[in-house]
Amino acid sequence: FINAMFGERPARFRPSFFPFVEPGVEVDMQCVFCD
């Protein structure tokens, strides 16, 4: 999805907490403003 929406760019997955998922993650992508 990130590649299709924003062009090819790295993403990283960080552990996080949400009650309805286990394990949970927050997803970051490389900044589109400064690459």
All heavy atoms as atom14 arrays in JSON, in Angstrom:
{
  "sequence": "FINAMFGERPARFRPSFFPFVEPGVEVDMQCVFCD",
  "atom14_mask": [
    [1, 1, 1, 1, 1, 1, 1, 1, 1, 1, 1, 0, 0, 0],
    [1, 1, 1, 1, 1, 1, 1, 1, 0, 0, 0, 0, 0, 0],
    [1, 1, 1, 1, 1, 1, 1, 1, 0, 0, 0, 0, 0, 0],
    [1, 1, 1, 1, 1, 0, 0, 0, 0, 0, 0, 0, 0, 0],
    [1, 1, 1, 1, 1, 1, 1, 1, 0, 0, 0, 0, 0, 0],
    [1, 1, 1, 1, 1, 1, 1, 1, 1, 1, 1, 0, 0, 0],
    [1, 1, 1, 1, 0, 0, 0, 0, 0, 0, 0, 0, 0, 0],
    [1, 1, 1, 1, 1, 1, 1, 1, 1, 0, 0, 0, 0, 0],
    [1, 1, 1, 1, 1, 1, 1, 1, 1, 1, 1, 0, 0, 0],
    [1, 1, 1, 1, 1, 1, 1, 0, 0, 0, 0, 0, 0, 0],
    [1, 1, 1, 1, 1, 0, 0, 0, 0, 0, 0, 0, 0, 0],
    [1, 1, 1, 1, 1, 1, 1, 1, 1, 1, 1, 0, 0, 0],
    [1, 1, 1, 1, 1, 1, 1, 1, 1, 1, 1, 0, 0, 0],
    [1, 1, 1, 1, 1, 1, 1, 1, 1, 1, 1, 0, 0, 0],
    [1, 1, 1, 1, 1, 1, 1, 0, 0, 0, 0, 0, 0, 0],
    [1, 1, 1, 1, 1, 1, 0, 0, 0, 0, 0, 0, 0, 0],
    [1, 1, 1, 1, 1, 1, 1, 1, 1, 1, 1, 0, 0, 0],
    [1, 1, 1, 1, 1, 1, 1, 1, 1, 1, 1, 0, 0, 0],
    [1, 1, 1, 1, 1, 1, 1, 0, 0, 0, 0, 0, 0, 0],
    [1, 1, 1, 1, 1, 1, 1, 1, 1, 1, 1, 0, 0, 0],
    [1, 1, 1, 1, 1, 1, 1, 0, 0, 0, 0, 0, 0, 0],
    [1, 1, 1, 1, 1, 1, 1, 1, 1, 0, 0, 0, 0, 0],
    [1, 1, 1, 1, 1, 1, 1, 0, 0, 0, 0, 0, 0, 0],
    [1, 1, 1, 1, 0, 0, 0, 0, 0, 0, 0, 0, 0, 0],
    [1, 1, 1, 1, 1, 1, 1, 0, 0, 0, 0, 0, 0, 0],
    [1, 1, 1, 1, 1, 1, 1, 1, 1, 0, 0, 0, 0, 0],
    [1, 1, 1, 1, 1, 1, 1, 0, 0, 0, 0, 0, 0, 0],
    [1, 1, 1, 1, 1, 1, 1, 1, 0, 0, 0, 0, 0, 0],
    [1, 1, 1, 1, 1, 1, 1, 1, 0, 0, 0, 0, 0, 0],
    [1, 1, 1, 1, 1, 1, 1, 1, 1, 0, 0, 0, 0, 0],
    [1, 1, 1, 1, 1, 1, 0, 0, 0, 0, 0, 0, 0, 0],
    [1, 1, 1, 1, 1, 1, 1, 0, 0, 0, 0, 0, 0, 0],
    [1, 1, 1, 1, 1, 1, 1, 1, 1, 1, 1, 0, 0, 0],
    [1, 1, 1, 1, 1, 1, 0, 0, 0, 0, 0, 0, 0, 0],
    [1, 1, 1, 1, 1, 1, 1, 1, 0, 0, 0, 0, 0, 0]
  ],
  "atom14_positions": [
    [[0.83, -1.21, 0.0], [0.0, 0.0, 0.0], [0.87, 1.26, 0.0], [0.62, 2.2, -0.77], [-0.92, 0.0, 1.22], [-1.49, 1.36, 1.53], [-2.48, 1.9, 0.73], [-1.0, 2.11, 2.59], [-3.0, 3.17, 0.99], [-1.5, 3.36, 2.86], [-2.5, 3.9, 2.06], [0.0, 0.0, 0.0], [0.0, 0.0, 0.0], [0.0, 0.0, 0.0]],
    [[1.89, 1.29, 0.86], [2.76, 2.47, 0.93], [3.44, 2.71, -0.4], [3.51, 3.85, -0.89], [3.78, 2.28, 2.06], [3.08, 2.35, 3.42], [4.89, 3.33, 1.98], [3.96, 2.0, 4.6], [0.0, 0.0, 0.0], [0.0, 0.0, 0.0], [0.0, 0.0, 0.0], [0.0, 0.0, 0.0], [0.0, 0.0, 0.0], [0.0, 0.0, 0.0]],
    [[3.92, 1.66, -1.02], [4.6, 1.82, -2.32], [3.64, 2.34, -3.39], [4.02, 3.17, -4.23], [5.22, 0.5, -2.75], [6.37, 0.07, -1.86], [6.92, 0.86, -1.1], [6.71, -1.21, -1.93], [0.0, 0.0, 0.0], [0.0, 0.0, 0.0], [0.0, 0.0, 0.0], [0.0, 0.0, 0.0], [0.0, 0.0, 0.0], [0.0, 0.0, 0.0]],
    [[2.4, 1.86, -3.36], [1.43, 2.28, -4.38], [0.94, 3.71, -4.14], [0.7, 4.45, -5.09], [0.24, 1.32, -4.4], [0.0, 0.0, 0.0], [0.0, 0.0, 0.0], [0.0, 0.0, 0.0], [0.0, 0.0, 0.0], [0.0, 0.0, 0.0], [0.0, 0.0, 0.0], [0.0, 0.0, 0.0], [0.0, 0.0, 0.0], [0.0, 0.0, 0.0]],
    [[0.82, 4.1, -2.86], [0.26, 5.41, -2.54], [1.31, 6.51, -2.56], [1.04, 7.63, -3.0], [-0.41, 5.36, -1.15], [-1.24, 6.57, -0.81], [-2.82, 6.52, -1.69], [-3.45, 8.17, -1.35], [0.0, 0.0, 0.0], [0.0, 0.0, 0.0], [0.0, 0.0, 0.0], [0.0, 0.0, 0.0], [0.0, 0.0, 0.0], [0.0, 0.0, 0.0]],
    [[2.52, 6.19, -2.09], [3.53, 7.23, -1.9], [4.78, 7.02, -2.76], [5.73, 7.81, -2.67], [3.95, 7.29, -0.43], [2.8, 7.53, 0.51], [2.22, 6.48, 1.2], [2.29, 8.81, 0.7], [1.17, 6.7, 2.07], [1.24, 9.03, 1.56], [0.67, 7.97, 2.25], [0.0, 0.0, 0.0], [0.0, 0.0, 0.0], [0.0, 0.0, 0.0]],
    [[4.82, 5.96, -3.54], [6.04, 5.63, -4.25], [6.92, 4.75, -3.4], [6.73, 4.6, -2.19], [0.0, 0.0, 0.0], [0.0, 0.0, 0.0], [0.0, 0.0, 0.0], [0.0, 0.0, 0.0], [0.0, 0.0, 0.0], [0.0, 0.0, 0.0], [0.0, 0.0, 0.0], [0.0, 0.0, 0.0], [0.0, 0.0, 0.0], [0.0, 0.0, 0.0]],
    [[7.9, 4.13, -4.02], [8.79, 3.2, -3.29], [9.51, 3.94, -2.17], [10.28, 4.87, -2.4], [9.82, 2.61, -4.26], [9.21, 1.77, -5.38], [8.77, 0.4, -4.9], [9.27, -0.04, -3.84], [7.92, -0.22, -5.58], [0.0, 0.0, 0.0], [0.0, 0.0, 0.0], [0.0, 0.0, 0.0], [0.0, 0.0, 0.0], [0.0, 0.0, 0.0]],
    [[9.23, 3.52, -0.94], [9.96, 4.11, 0.19], [9.92, 3.14, 1.37], [8.95, 2.37, 1.51], [9.41, 5.48, 0.58], [7.99, 5.56, 1.01], [7.57, 7.03, 1.24], [7.76, 7.85, 0.06], [8.71, 8.81, -0.02], [9.51, 9.04, 1.01], [8.83, 9.52, -1.12], [0.0, 0.0, 0.0], [0.0, 0.0, 0.0], [0.0, 0.0, 0.0]],
    [[10.95, 3.16, 2.21], [11.04, 2.21, 3.33], [9.93, 2.43, 4.35], [9.4, 3.54, 4.5], [12.41, 2.49, 3.92], [13.14, 3.34, 2.94], [12.12, 4.04, 2.13], [0.0, 0.0, 0.0], [0.0, 0.0, 0.0], [0.0, 0.0, 0.0], [0.0, 0.0, 0.0], [0.0, 0.0, 0.0], [0.0, 0.0, 0.0], [0.0, 0.0, 0.0]],
    [[9.6, 1.36, 5.07], [8.66, 1.42, 6.18], [9.25, 0.66, 7.35], [10.06, -0.25, 7.18], [7.31, 0.83, 5.77], [0.0, 0.0, 0.0], [0.0, 0.0, 0.0], [0.0, 0.0, 0.0], [0.0, 0.0, 0.0], [0.0, 0.0, 0.0], [0.0, 0.0, 0.0], [0.0, 0.0, 0.0], [0.0, 0.0, 0.0], [0.0, 0.0, 0.0]],
    [[8.86, 1.05, 8.54], [9.31, 0.33, 9.74], [8.11, 0.07, 10.64], [7.15, 0.83, 10.67], [10.39, 1.12, 10.48], [9.91, 2.41, 11.12], [11.04, 3.13, 11.84], [10.57, 4.31, 12.55], [11.35, 5.14, 13.23], [12.67, 4.93, 13.27], [10.84, 6.19, 13.87], [0.0, 0.0, 0.0], [0.0, 0.0, 0.0], [0.0, 0.0, 0.0]],
    [[8.18, -1.04, 11.38], [7.1, -1.48, 12.25], [7.59, -1.44, 13.69], [8.57, -2.12, 14.04], [6.65, -2.89, 11.86], [5.99, -2.97, 10.51], [6.72, -2.81, 9.35], [4.63, -3.2, 10.4], [6.13, -2.87, 8.1], [4.02, -3.27, 9.16], [4.76, -3.1, 8.0], [0.0, 0.0, 0.0], [0.0, 0.0, 0.0], [0.0, 0.0, 0.0]],
    [[6.92, -0.66, 14.54], [7.32, -0.52, 15.93], [6.26, -1.14, 16.84], [5.05, -0.97, 16.59], [7.49, 0.95, 16.3], [8.61, 1.65, 15.56], [8.72, 3.12, 15.98], [7.61, 3.93, 15.49], [6.63, 4.4, 16.22], [6.56, 4.1, 17.52], [5.67, 5.14, 15.68], [0.0, 0.0, 0.0], [0.0, 0.0, 0.0], [0.0, 0.0, 0.0]],
    [[6.65, -1.87, 17.87], [5.65, -2.45, 18.78], [4.79, -1.36, 19.41], [5.27, -0.28, 19.75], [6.51, -3.16, 19.84], [7.82, -3.39, 19.19], [8.02, -2.24, 18.25], [0.0, 0.0, 0.0], [0.0, 0.0, 0.0], [0.0, 0.0, 0.0], [0.0, 0.0, 0.0], [0.0, 0.0, 0.0], [0.0, 0.0, 0.0], [0.0, 0.0, 0.0]],
    [[3.51, -1.63, 19.57], [2.59, -0.69, 20.18], [1.43, -1.47, 20.77], [1.34, -2.69, 20.62], [2.09, 0.33, 19.15], [1.33, 1.34, 19.78], [0.0, 0.0, 0.0], [0.0, 0.0, 0.0], [0.0, 0.0, 0.0], [0.0, 0.0, 0.0], [0.0, 0.0, 0.0], [0.0, 0.0, 0.0], [0.0, 0.0, 0.0], [0.0, 0.0, 0.0]],
    [[0.54, -0.76, 21.45], [-0.59, -1.42, 22.11], [-1.91, -0.86, 21.58], [-2.11, 0.36, 21.53], [-0.54, -1.21, 23.63], [-1.83, -1.63, 24.32], [-2.1, -2.98, 24.51], [-2.74, -0.69, 24.74], [-3.29, -3.37, 25.12], [-3.93, -1.08, 25.34], [-4.2, -2.42, 25.54], [0.0, 0.0, 0.0], [0.0, 0.0, 0.0], [0.0, 0.0, 0.0]],
    [[-2.78, -1.76, 21.18], [-4.18, -1.46, 20.89], [-5.0, -2.61, 21.46], [-4.63, -3.78, 21.3], [-4.43, -1.35, 19.37], [-3.55, -0.34, 18.69], [-2.42, -0.74, 17.99], [-3.86, 1.01, 18.75], [-1.61, 0.18, 17.35], [-3.05, 1.94, 18.11], [-1.92, 1.53, 17.41], [0.0, 0.0, 0.0], [0.0, 0.0, 0.0], [0.0, 0.0, 0.0]],
    [[-6.1, -2.34, 22.15], [-6.83, -3.41, 22.84], [-7.32, -4.52, 21.93], [-7.49, -5.66, 22.36], [-8.02, -2.67, 23.49], [-7.59, -1.25, 23.56], [-6.69, -1.02, 22.39], [0.0, 0.0, 0.0], [0.0, 0.0, 0.0], [0.0, 0.0, 0.0], [0.0, 0.0, 0.0], [0.0, 0.0, 0.0], [0.0, 0.0, 0.0], [0.0, 0.0, 0.0]],
    [[-7.58, -4.21, 20.65], [-8.22, -5.18, 19.77], [-7.22, -5.98, 18.94], [-7.63, -6.78, 18.11], [-9.21, -4.47, 18.84], [-8.79, -3.08, 18.44], [-7.95, -2.87, 17.38], [-9.23, -1.99, 19.17], [-7.56, -1.6, 17.02], [-8.84, -0.7, 18.81], [-7.99, -0.51, 17.74], [0.0, 0.0, 0.0], [0.0, 0.0, 0.0], [0.0, 0.0, 0.0]],
    [[-5.92, -5.76, 19.12], [-4.91, -6.55, 18.41], [-3.83, -7.01, 19.38], [-3.57, -6.38, 20.38], [-4.26, -5.75, 17.25], [-5.26, -5.46, 16.14], [-3.65, -4.45, 17.76], [0.0, 0.0, 0.0], [0.0, 0.0, 0.0], [0.0, 0.0, 0.0], [0.0, 0.0, 0.0], [0.0, 0.0, 0.0], [0.0, 0.0, 0.0], [0.0, 0.0, 0.0]],
    [[-3.19, -8.12, 19.03], [-2.07, -8.64, 19.83], [-1.26, -9.61, 18.96], [-1.78, -10.67, 18.59], [-2.59, -9.34, 21.09], [-1.49, -9.92, 21.96], [-0.53, -8.84, 22.47], [-0.98, -7.73, 22.81], [0.69, -9.14, 22.51], [0.0, 0.0, 0.0], [0.0, 0.0, 0.0], [0.0, 0.0, 0.0], [0.0, 0.0, 0.0], [0.0, 0.0, 0.0]],
    [[-0.01, -9.26, 18.6], [0.66, -8.01, 18.96], [0.18, -6.84, 18.11], [-0.39, -7.03, 17.03], [2.12, -8.34, 18.66], [2.05, -9.32, 17.53], [0.84, -10.16, 17.82], [0.0, 0.0, 0.0], [0.0, 0.0, 0.0], [0.0, 0.0, 0.0], [0.0, 0.0, 0.0], [0.0, 0.0, 0.0], [0.0, 0.0, 0.0], [0.0, 0.0, 0.0]],
    [[0.45, -5.62, 18.61], [0.11, -4.42, 17.87], [1.35, -3.68, 17.42], [2.42, -3.79, 18.05], [0.0, 0.0, 0.0], [0.0, 0.0, 0.0], [0.0, 0.0, 0.0], [0.0, 0.0, 0.0], [0.0, 0.0, 0.0], [0.0, 0.0, 0.0], [0.0, 0.0, 0.0], [0.0, 0.0, 0.0], [0.0, 0.0, 0.0], [0.0, 0.0, 0.0]],
    [[1.24, -2.96, 16.33], [2.39, -2.21, 15.8], [1.92, -0.84, 15.34], [0.75, -0.64, 14.99], [3.07, -2.95, 14.61], [3.69, -4.25, 15.07], [2.08, -3.17, 13.49], [0.0, 0.0, 0.0], [0.0, 0.0, 0.0], [0.0, 0.0, 0.0], [0.0, 0.0, 0.0], [0.0, 0.0, 0.0], [0.0, 0.0, 0.0], [0.0, 0.0, 0.0]],
    [[2.85, 0.1, 15.34], [2.66, 1.36, 14.65], [3.61, 1.37, 13.46], [4.77, 0.92, 13.57], [2.93, 2.55, 15.57], [1.82, 2.76, 16.6], [2.04, 4.01, 17.44], [3.09, 4.66, 17.27], [1.16, 4.33, 18.25], [0.0, 0.0, 0.0], [0.0, 0.0, 0.0], [0.0, 0.0, 0.0], [0.0, 0.0, 0.0], [0.0, 0.0, 0.0]],
    [[3.12, 1.85, 12.34], [3.89, 1.77, 11.1], [4.34, 3.18, 10.71], [3.51, 4.1, 10.61], [3.06, 1.14, 9.97], [3.9, 1.01, 8.7], [2.53, -0.23, 10.41], [0.0, 0.0, 0.0], [0.0, 0.0, 0.0], [0.0, 0.0, 0.0], [0.0, 0.0, 0.0], [0.0, 0.0, 0.0], [0.0, 0.0, 0.0], [0.0, 0.0, 0.0]],
    [[5.63, 3.33, 10.49], [6.2, 4.59, 10.01], [6.71, 4.38, 8.6], [7.08, 3.26, 8.2], [7.38, 5.04, 10.89], [7.0, 5.2, 12.35], [5.83, 5.52, 12.61], [7.86, 4.99, 13.22], [0.0, 0.0, 0.0], [0.0, 0.0, 0.0], [0.0, 0.0, 0.0], [0.0, 0.0, 0.0], [0.0, 0.0, 0.0], [0.0, 0.0, 0.0]],
    [[6.76, 5.45, 7.84], [7.38, 5.39, 6.53], [8.36, 6.56, 6.4], [8.29, 7.54, 7.14], [6.34, 5.45, 5.41], [5.67, 6.78, 5.25], [4.55, 6.8, 3.84], [4.06, 8.52, 3.85], [0.0, 0.0, 0.0], [0.0, 0.0, 0.0], [0.0, 0.0, 0.0], [0.0, 0.0, 0.0], [0.0, 0.0, 0.0], [0.0, 0.0, 0.0]],
    [[9.25, 6.43, 5.46], [10.22, 7.5, 5.23], [9.49, 8.8, 4.88], [8.53, 8.8, 4.13], [11.17, 7.11, 4.09], [12.32, 8.07, 3.88], [13.14, 7.67, 2.67], [12.68, 7.8, 1.54], [14.34, 7.13, 2.91], [0.0, 0.0, 0.0], [0.0, 0.0, 0.0], [0.0, 0.0, 0.0], [0.0, 0.0, 0.0], [0.0, 0.0, 0.0]],
    [[9.91, 9.9, 5.46], [9.25, 11.19, 5.28], [9.18, 11.56, 3.79], [10.18, 11.49, 3.07], [10.01, 12.27, 6.06], [9.28, 13.91, 5.88], [0.0, 0.0, 0.0], [0.0, 0.0, 0.0], [0.0, 0.0, 0.0], [0.0, 0.0, 0.0], [0.0, 0.0, 0.0], [0.0, 0.0, 0.0], [0.0, 0.0, 0.0], [0.0, 0.0, 0.0]],
    [[7.97, 11.94, 3.35], [7.79, 12.3, 1.95], [8.26, 13.71, 1.65], [8.38, 14.1, 0.48], [6.29, 12.16, 1.55], [5.84, 10.73, 1.68], [5.41, 13.08, 2.39], [0.0, 0.0, 0.0], [0.0, 0.0, 0.0], [0.0, 0.0, 0.0], [0.0, 0.0, 0.0], [0.0, 0.0, 0.0], [0.0, 0.0, 0.0], [0.0, 0.0, 0.0]],
    [[8.52, 14.49, 2.7], [8.93, 15.88, 2.49], [10.45, 16.02, 2.37], [10.94, 16.86, 1.63], [8.42, 16.76, 3.65], [6.92, 16.85, 3.72], [6.21, 16.0, 4.56], [6.22, 17.76, 2.95], [4.83, 16.08, 4.63], [4.84, 17.84, 3.02], [4.14, 16.99, 3.86], [0.0, 0.0, 0.0], [0.0, 0.0, 0.0], [0.0, 0.0, 0.0]],
    [[11.16, 15.18, 3.12], [12.63, 15.31, 3.11], [13.33, 14.02, 2.69], [14.59, 13.98, 2.68], [13.12, 15.74, 4.49], [12.82, 14.5, 5.79], [0.0, 0.0, 0.0], [0.0, 0.0, 0.0], [0.0, 0.0, 0.0], [0.0, 0.0, 0.0], [0.0, 0.0, 0.0], [0.0, 0.0, 0.0], [0.0, 0.0, 0.0], [0.0, 0.0, 0.0]],
    [[12.56, 12.96, 2.36], [13.14, 11.68, 1.97], [14.13, 11.14, 3.0], [15.17, 10.59, 2.67], [13.81, 11.78, 0.6], [12.82, 11.91, -0.53], [11.7, 11.38, -0.39], [13.14, 12.58, -1.54], [0.0, 0.0, 0.0], [0.0, 0.0, 0.0], [0.0, 0.0, 0.0], [0.0, 0.0, 0.0], [0.0, 0.0, 0.0], [0.0, 0.0, 0.0]]
  ]
}
